[in-house]
Structure formats: C-alpha cells, structure tokens
Amino acid sequence: MDIKGRLAVAVLRLVGRLPLRWSRRLGWLTGHIAVLGRGESLRVTRINLQLCYPTMEAEARERLARHSVVQTALTGFEVAGIWQQPWSRSEDQIVRVRNQQLLTERTDRGQGLLVLMPHIGNWELFGMYLSTLGPSTALYAPPKVAALDPLIRSGRQMNGAHMVPTSIRGVRALLKALKAGEMVMVLPDQEPDSGGDFAPFFGQPALTMTLAHNLLQRTGCRCVFGFAKRLRDGFELVLLPAEQSIYAAEQKVSLAAMNRGVEACIASAPDQYQWEYKRFRRGPRGRTHRYRKG
C-alpha cells in the first residue's frame, strides 16, 4: 500500500468514528474551503448550472453552486461513518421513508425491481437501506485508490448486497437477479463508457446509459427512482415512481423518460445533486469542450 493509500484509509477510519453532527461539521468546513479556493468542483458546477438553469437569476445560480459544493463535501464525510459503523447506527439516522409503498407493491406482485439512484444527497445510505429489504445486486467498480477497495466493498456489502463487476458478467448477474424477482440498483446519471445514446437532460443532449432500458425490456421488471435527502437531523429516504414511458420499447423514448425522472429527483433537493460531474463532456458530434479552462 502506497503512502497516499495509507493516508486515505487512515483519514476515512478516523472520520468514520465521529458522530454524524461532527462529520458534517468537518464536511461543511471542507466544502467552504473549496468554495473560497474557487477550485475545479466550483468551476464545473457553475458550468453545469448555467447549462441546466439558463433562466435562473445569476445570483441565485451562484448561491446554488456554492451550496452544492458544500453539500458534496458533506456526503464525502458522512459516508466514512456509514461504511464503517454498525447498520443500526445508520438506520437511526433515517427520519422517514417517503412513498415506501413503491417498494412493497412490487414485492406483492413478485416482480423484480430496478431502483434508479441519482447522485443526490447520500446515495450510499440509500443503497444500504435497500439491501435490508431483500436480495439486491449492484454494479461495482473498484476505486482509483486501491487501498480503499476493502473498506468501500465491506461497507456496501454490510447488509448483504451483491456487488458485481461493471462488465458483461456483471450485467448478466443483474438480469438473473431481476428475473428471480430480486432488486437491482443502478446509478443512472453518469456518462457510460459504452452502451449509451443521447437523450435530453435539462434540455441539453446528454450521453445516457442504455443499461436500464435493456434491463427493463429483457426482464419485464418494475422501476422506481430513489435517493437519500439530507435533513438537519438525519435523512429522508425518497422514492418516486417512474413515468410509464420509461418502459417503452423505443430506446430514445425510454432514455428521455429516465432523464426526466432524474430531473424530478433533483427538483426535491437541487443543492444536494452532484453538479461537479462533467455530464456534458460529449455531444452528438463528439467532445463538446464545455469544460475547457480559459
């Protein structure tokens, strides 16, 4: 293990021992330092918000950008504890679950359930909660810092979730789980390395994964959206129904519906979305250069 890896593990283990209120205070401080430093996260967030909210007043958009950078820092410090502490402690931080019946309805019908989890609030907590409800499967790509892999993997598997690789073998495992009436978790709002097509996202053409569409078409499973919204005293887990058109056989119709579902989730907590991700790096004609400096 290299020095960088040792340091990263040591910091995460130390932060993971803190109560939620203290980890959030550290995240708040780190986020504000990032804002004051005017670093890459704030720069990219500003670009994305300009693209997605062009009619928003400049002052309000700047305020949203700064809040978003702080909220992302909060997520980073929170997950250190969620990966390491007993689930009972994390569960106590869940204040309520909104629209939980969307999960029980599919159980009653014996169908598989595809849960689309945008990068809003604390998606790690949300995924671990879902794992307590029954057999669940999710794709997993090892982190760039290899030393963090055991810590992250053990945290995500704490409640029995099955982690599979981001490969053909992993996709087969997702199909098998859904056909068996189980739950599959997918993060729908990042550019795919392969298997993507363009669909509108906040009015902008965004390279969008086709994985969810293919899973829906091949298994006949049901689909919902969900995320963990940060509250002052914990978290609210939110489930939202998917549009009927997400089940359309026509891929572009389904992808557009999926992106609208992500937008609906973001509307509940726009400052808690991970806006610093370069979602519009590629356009229908190739690289867009929207994030080029200068």
Protein backbone atom coordinates (compact mmCIF):
# COMPACT_ATOMS: atom_id res chain seq x y z
CA MET A 1 0.00 0.00 0.00
CA ASP A 2 1.47 3.38 -1.02
CA ILE A 3 1.62 6.44 1.21
CA LYS A 4 -1.38 8.05 -0.50
CA GLY A 5 -3.44 4.92 0.07
CA ARG A 6 -2.43 4.61 3.72
CA LEU A 7 -3.29 8.24 4.35
CA ALA A 8 -6.68 7.95 2.66
CA VAL A 9 -7.60 4.85 4.68
CA ALA A 10 -6.39 6.43 7.93
CA VAL A 11 -8.45 9.59 7.36
CA LEU A 12 -11.58 7.66 6.48
CA ARG A 13 -11.24 5.40 9.50
CA LEU A 14 -10.74 8.38 11.79
CA VAL A 15 -13.68 10.34 10.37
CA GLY A 16 -15.81 7.20 10.45
CA ARG A 17 -15.63 7.15 14.24
CA LEU A 18 -17.19 10.58 14.59
CA PRO A 19 -20.88 11.21 15.31
CA LEU A 20 -22.89 12.45 12.33
CA ARG A 21 -23.01 16.03 13.60
CA TRP A 22 -19.20 16.21 13.81
CA SER A 23 -18.55 14.60 10.43
CA ARG A 24 -20.99 17.10 8.94
CA ARG A 25 -19.18 19.99 10.60
CA LEU A 26 -15.93 18.83 9.05
CA GLY A 27 -17.65 18.43 5.70
CA TRP A 28 -19.14 21.92 6.00
CA LEU A 29 -15.70 23.37 6.74
CA THR A 30 -14.05 21.46 3.89
CA GLY A 31 -16.78 22.50 1.47
CA HIS A 32 -16.46 26.16 2.34
CA ILE A 33 -12.70 25.99 1.93
CA ALA A 34 -13.29 24.52 -1.54
CA VAL A 35 -15.67 27.37 -2.37
CA LEU A 36 -13.23 30.01 -1.14
CA GLY A 37 -10.44 28.34 -3.13
CA ARG A 38 -12.53 28.53 -6.31
CA GLY A 39 -11.32 25.10 -7.37
CA GLU A 40 -12.35 22.70 -10.11
CA SER A 41 -15.53 21.50 -8.38
CA LEU A 42 -16.96 25.00 -8.20
CA ARG A 43 -15.89 25.81 -11.76
CA VAL A 44 -17.58 22.72 -13.24
CA THR A 45 -20.66 23.18 -11.06
CA ARG A 46 -21.09 26.73 -12.38
CA ILE A 47 -20.86 25.50 -15.97
CA ASN A 48 -23.43 22.75 -15.41
CA LEU A 49 -25.87 25.06 -13.65
CA GLN A 50 -25.57 27.60 -16.46
CA LEU A 51 -26.45 24.86 -18.95
CA CYS A 52 -29.29 23.36 -16.90
CA TYR A 53 -30.82 26.53 -15.42
CA PRO A 54 -30.18 29.21 -18.05
CA THR A 55 -33.15 31.34 -16.97
CA MET A 56 -32.29 31.33 -13.26
CA GLU A 57 -31.08 34.66 -11.92
CA ALA A 58 -27.29 34.80 -11.79
CA GLU A 59 -27.21 35.50 -8.06
CA ALA A 60 -29.47 32.54 -7.27
CA ARG A 61 -27.46 30.26 -9.55
CA GLU A 62 -24.19 31.27 -7.88
CA ARG A 63 -25.72 30.64 -4.46
CA LEU A 64 -26.87 27.19 -5.63
CA ALA A 65 -23.38 26.41 -6.97
CA ARG A 66 -21.73 27.25 -3.65
CA HIS A 67 -24.27 25.30 -1.64
CA SER A 68 -23.82 22.30 -3.93
CA VAL A 69 -20.04 22.16 -3.41
CA VAL A 70 -20.58 22.21 0.36
CA GLN A 71 -23.26 19.51 0.17
CA THR A 72 -20.96 17.24 -1.82
CA ALA A 73 -18.29 17.64 0.84
CA LEU A 74 -20.86 16.69 3.47
CA THR A 75 -21.60 13.49 1.58
CA GLY A 76 -17.93 12.56 1.50
CA PHE A 77 -17.55 12.90 5.25
CA GLU A 78 -20.84 11.14 6.01
CA VAL A 79 -20.05 8.00 4.04
CA ALA A 80 -16.88 7.39 6.02
CA GLY A 81 -19.09 6.61 9.01
CA ILE A 82 -21.80 4.81 7.04
CA TRP A 83 -19.29 2.35 5.58
CA GLN A 84 -17.81 1.51 8.98
CA GLN A 85 -20.42 1.90 11.70
CA PRO A 86 -22.98 -0.81 12.54
CA TRP A 87 -26.08 -0.55 10.37
CA SER A 88 -28.24 0.07 13.46
CA ARG A 89 -26.46 3.39 13.94
CA SER A 90 -27.01 4.44 10.33
CA GLU A 91 -30.62 3.27 10.47
CA ASP A 92 -31.25 5.54 13.44
CA GLN A 93 -30.32 8.49 11.21
CA ILE A 94 -33.24 7.76 8.85
CA VAL A 95 -36.02 10.11 9.91
CA ARG A 96 -38.64 8.81 7.48
CA VAL A 97 -39.16 6.99 4.19
CA ARG A 98 -41.42 8.68 1.65
CA ASN A 99 -43.52 6.53 -0.70
CA GLN A 100 -42.24 3.26 0.74
CA GLN A 101 -45.25 1.52 -0.80
CA LEU A 102 -43.47 1.71 -4.15
CA LEU A 103 -41.17 -1.00 -2.80
CA THR A 104 -43.83 -3.18 -1.21
CA GLU A 105 -46.06 -3.09 -4.29
CA ARG A 106 -43.51 -4.93 -6.40
CA THR A 107 -42.96 -7.43 -3.58
CA ASP A 108 -46.65 -8.25 -3.60
CA ARG A 109 -46.51 -8.94 -7.36
CA GLY A 110 -43.31 -10.95 -7.15
CA GLN A 111 -41.63 -8.82 -9.82
CA GLY A 112 -38.03 -7.77 -9.96
CA LEU A 113 -37.42 -4.12 -9.14
CA LEU A 114 -34.93 -1.77 -10.79
CA VAL A 115 -34.11 1.13 -8.48
CA LEU A 116 -32.51 4.10 -10.24
CA MET A 117 -30.44 6.10 -7.75
CA PRO A 118 -29.21 9.50 -8.96
CA HIS A 119 -26.24 11.13 -7.20
CA ILE A 120 -28.35 13.14 -4.78
CA GLY A 121 -27.75 13.50 -1.05
CA ASN A 122 -26.26 10.35 0.41
CA TRP A 123 -26.76 7.58 -2.15
CA GLU A 124 -24.57 5.19 -0.13
CA LEU A 125 -27.04 5.24 2.76
CA PHE A 126 -29.95 4.76 0.40
CA GLY A 127 -28.35 1.72 -1.22
CA MET A 128 -27.55 0.14 2.13
CA TYR A 129 -31.15 0.66 3.25
CA LEU A 130 -32.46 -1.11 0.15
CA SER A 131 -30.17 -4.04 0.92
CA THR A 132 -32.02 -4.64 4.19
CA LEU A 133 -35.28 -5.30 2.33
CA GLY A 134 -34.21 -8.43 0.50
CA PRO A 135 -31.71 -9.77 -2.04
CA SER A 136 -30.14 -6.92 -4.00
CA THR A 137 -27.44 -6.58 -6.65
CA ALA A 138 -25.44 -3.58 -7.84
CA LEU A 139 -22.54 -2.89 -10.17
CA TYR A 140 -19.22 -2.09 -8.51
CA ALA A 141 -16.09 -0.55 -9.95
CA PRO A 142 -13.02 -0.56 -7.65
CA PRO A 143 -11.84 2.94 -6.67
CA LYS A 144 -8.77 4.52 -8.24
CA VAL A 145 -7.06 4.40 -4.84
CA ALA A 146 -6.81 0.61 -4.50
CA ALA A 147 -6.25 0.77 -0.74
CA LEU A 148 -9.83 1.99 -0.28
CA ASP A 149 -11.36 -1.01 -2.01
CA PRO A 150 -11.72 -3.29 1.07
CA LEU A 151 -13.28 -0.51 3.14
CA ILE A 152 -15.79 0.53 0.46
CA ARG A 153 -16.64 -3.02 -0.57
CA SER A 154 -17.24 -4.19 3.00
CA GLY A 155 -19.43 -1.16 3.69
CA ARG A 156 -21.62 -1.65 0.64
CA GLN A 157 -21.94 -5.37 1.32
CA MET A 158 -22.68 -4.89 5.02
CA ASN A 159 -26.39 -5.65 4.64
CA GLY A 160 -25.97 -8.44 2.13
CA ALA A 161 -25.87 -6.57 -1.17
CA HIS A 162 -24.23 -8.50 -4.00
CA MET A 163 -21.57 -6.42 -5.80
CA VAL A 164 -20.84 -7.43 -9.40
CA PRO A 165 -18.25 -6.06 -11.87
CA THR A 166 -19.04 -3.43 -14.49
CA SER A 167 -18.68 -5.96 -17.30
CA ILE A 168 -20.76 -8.36 -19.37
CA ARG A 169 -20.57 -10.81 -16.47
CA GLY A 170 -21.96 -8.16 -14.13
CA VAL A 171 -24.82 -7.29 -16.48
CA ARG A 172 -25.73 -10.99 -16.68
CA ALA A 173 -25.88 -11.05 -12.90
CA LEU A 174 -28.27 -8.06 -12.93
CA LEU A 175 -30.52 -9.82 -15.44
CA LYS A 176 -30.52 -13.01 -13.40
CA ALA A 177 -31.43 -11.13 -10.22
CA LEU A 178 -34.32 -9.27 -11.83
CA LYS A 179 -35.70 -12.42 -13.43
CA ALA A 180 -35.61 -14.04 -9.99
CA GLY A 181 -37.80 -11.22 -8.61
CA GLU A 182 -34.98 -9.51 -6.75
CA MET A 183 -33.84 -5.89 -6.54
CA VAL A 184 -31.17 -4.24 -8.69
CA MET A 185 -29.65 -0.82 -8.02
CA VAL A 186 -28.27 1.35 -10.84
CA LEU A 187 -26.81 4.87 -10.84
CA PRO A 188 -28.40 6.39 -13.98
CA ASP A 189 -26.81 9.82 -14.29
CA GLN A 190 -23.24 9.33 -15.47
CA GLU A 191 -21.81 9.07 -18.97
CA PRO A 192 -21.35 5.40 -19.90
CA ASP A 193 -18.07 4.15 -21.30
CA SER A 194 -20.10 2.07 -23.74
CA GLY A 195 -23.74 1.28 -24.38
CA GLY A 196 -25.03 4.85 -24.44
CA ASP A 197 -27.23 7.10 -26.55
CA PHE A 198 -28.11 10.79 -26.40
CA ALA A 199 -31.25 11.97 -24.64
CA PRO A 200 -32.34 15.36 -23.27
CA PHE A 201 -31.25 16.23 -19.74
CA PHE A 202 -32.41 19.67 -18.63
CA GLY A 203 -32.82 20.47 -22.31
CA GLN A 204 -29.23 19.52 -23.16
CA PRO A 205 -28.21 16.43 -25.17
CA ALA A 206 -26.56 14.11 -22.66
CA LEU A 207 -24.91 10.77 -23.33
CA THR A 208 -27.17 8.45 -21.33
CA MET A 209 -26.72 4.82 -20.34
CA THR A 210 -28.89 2.27 -22.13
CA LEU A 211 -28.40 -0.35 -19.41
CA ALA A 212 -31.63 0.46 -17.57
CA HIS A 213 -33.67 0.34 -20.79
CA ASN A 214 -32.18 -3.03 -21.71
CA LEU A 215 -32.87 -4.46 -18.24
CA LEU A 216 -36.48 -3.29 -18.37
CA GLN A 217 -37.05 -4.71 -21.83
CA ARG A 218 -35.44 -8.08 -21.13
CA THR A 219 -36.98 -8.79 -17.72
CA GLY A 220 -40.34 -7.00 -17.51
CA CYS A 221 -39.35 -5.68 -14.10
CA ARG A 222 -40.76 -2.56 -12.47
CA CYS A 223 -38.79 0.66 -11.97
CA VAL A 224 -38.65 3.39 -9.34
CA PHE A 225 -36.32 6.28 -8.51
CA GLY A 226 -34.87 6.87 -5.07
CA PHE A 227 -32.40 8.94 -3.07
CA ALA A 228 -31.49 9.92 0.49
CA LYS A 229 -32.18 13.59 1.12
CA ARG A 230 -30.10 15.26 3.81
CA LEU A 231 -32.07 16.84 6.67
CA ARG A 232 -30.87 18.81 9.66
CA ASP A 233 -31.33 15.84 11.99
CA GLY A 234 -30.66 12.93 9.64
CA PHE A 235 -32.00 11.75 6.30
CA GLU A 236 -35.30 11.36 4.48
CA LEU A 237 -35.36 8.46 2.02
CA VAL A 238 -37.45 9.39 -1.01
CA LEU A 239 -38.94 7.07 -3.61
CA LEU A 240 -40.58 8.42 -6.76
CA PRO A 241 -42.46 6.49 -9.44
CA ALA A 242 -41.07 6.26 -12.95
CA GLU A 243 -43.03 7.57 -15.92
CA GLN A 244 -44.88 4.89 -17.85
CA SER A 245 -42.87 5.81 -20.95
CA ILE A 246 -39.69 4.52 -19.33
CA TYR A 247 -40.99 1.04 -20.27
CA ALA A 248 -41.33 1.98 -23.95
CA ALA A 249 -39.70 -0.37 -26.44
CA GLU A 250 -38.27 2.60 -28.33
CA GLN A 251 -34.93 3.33 -26.71
CA LYS A 252 -34.91 7.12 -27.13
CA VAL A 253 -38.36 7.42 -25.55
CA SER A 254 -37.26 5.34 -22.57
CA LEU A 255 -33.99 7.24 -22.09
CA ALA A 256 -35.75 10.60 -22.20
CA ALA A 257 -38.20 9.37 -19.54
CA MET A 258 -35.31 8.18 -17.37
CA ASN A 259 -33.60 11.56 -17.56
CA ARG A 260 -36.88 13.29 -16.68
CA GLY A 261 -37.08 11.01 -13.67
CA VAL A 262 -33.62 12.12 -12.59
CA GLU A 263 -34.69 15.75 -13.06
CA ALA A 264 -37.74 15.14 -10.84
CA CYS A 265 -35.48 13.78 -8.11
CA ILE A 266 -33.13 16.75 -8.40
CA ALA A 267 -36.09 19.14 -8.04
CA SER A 268 -36.57 17.84 -4.48
CA ALA A 269 -33.05 18.88 -3.45
CA PRO A 270 -31.17 20.70 -6.25
CA ASP A 271 -28.30 21.78 -3.98
CA GLN A 272 -27.67 18.16 -2.98
CA TYR A 273 -27.08 16.95 -6.53
CA GLN A 274 -23.50 16.17 -7.63
CA TRP A 275 -23.28 19.03 -10.13
CA GLU A 276 -19.47 18.90 -10.31
CA TYR A 277 -19.65 15.79 -12.52
CA LYS A 278 -18.86 16.60 -16.18
CA ARG A 279 -22.07 15.18 -17.60
CA PHE A 280 -21.86 17.05 -20.91
CA ARG A 281 -18.31 16.17 -21.95
CA ARG A 282 -19.55 14.56 -25.13
CA GLY A 283 -22.21 15.67 -27.55
CA PRO A 284 -23.76 14.05 -30.63
CA ARG A 285 -20.82 15.35 -32.71
CA GLY A 286 -18.04 14.39 -30.29
CA ARG A 287 -16.32 16.20 -27.46
CA THR A 288 -18.01 19.45 -26.54
CA HIS A 289 -15.08 21.25 -24.83
CA ARG A 290 -17.62 22.85 -22.50
CA TYR A 291 -15.34 22.26 -19.53
CA ARG A 292 -12.20 23.61 -21.13
CA LYS A 293 -10.41 26.12 -18.96
CA GLY A 294 -9.82 29.66 -20.16
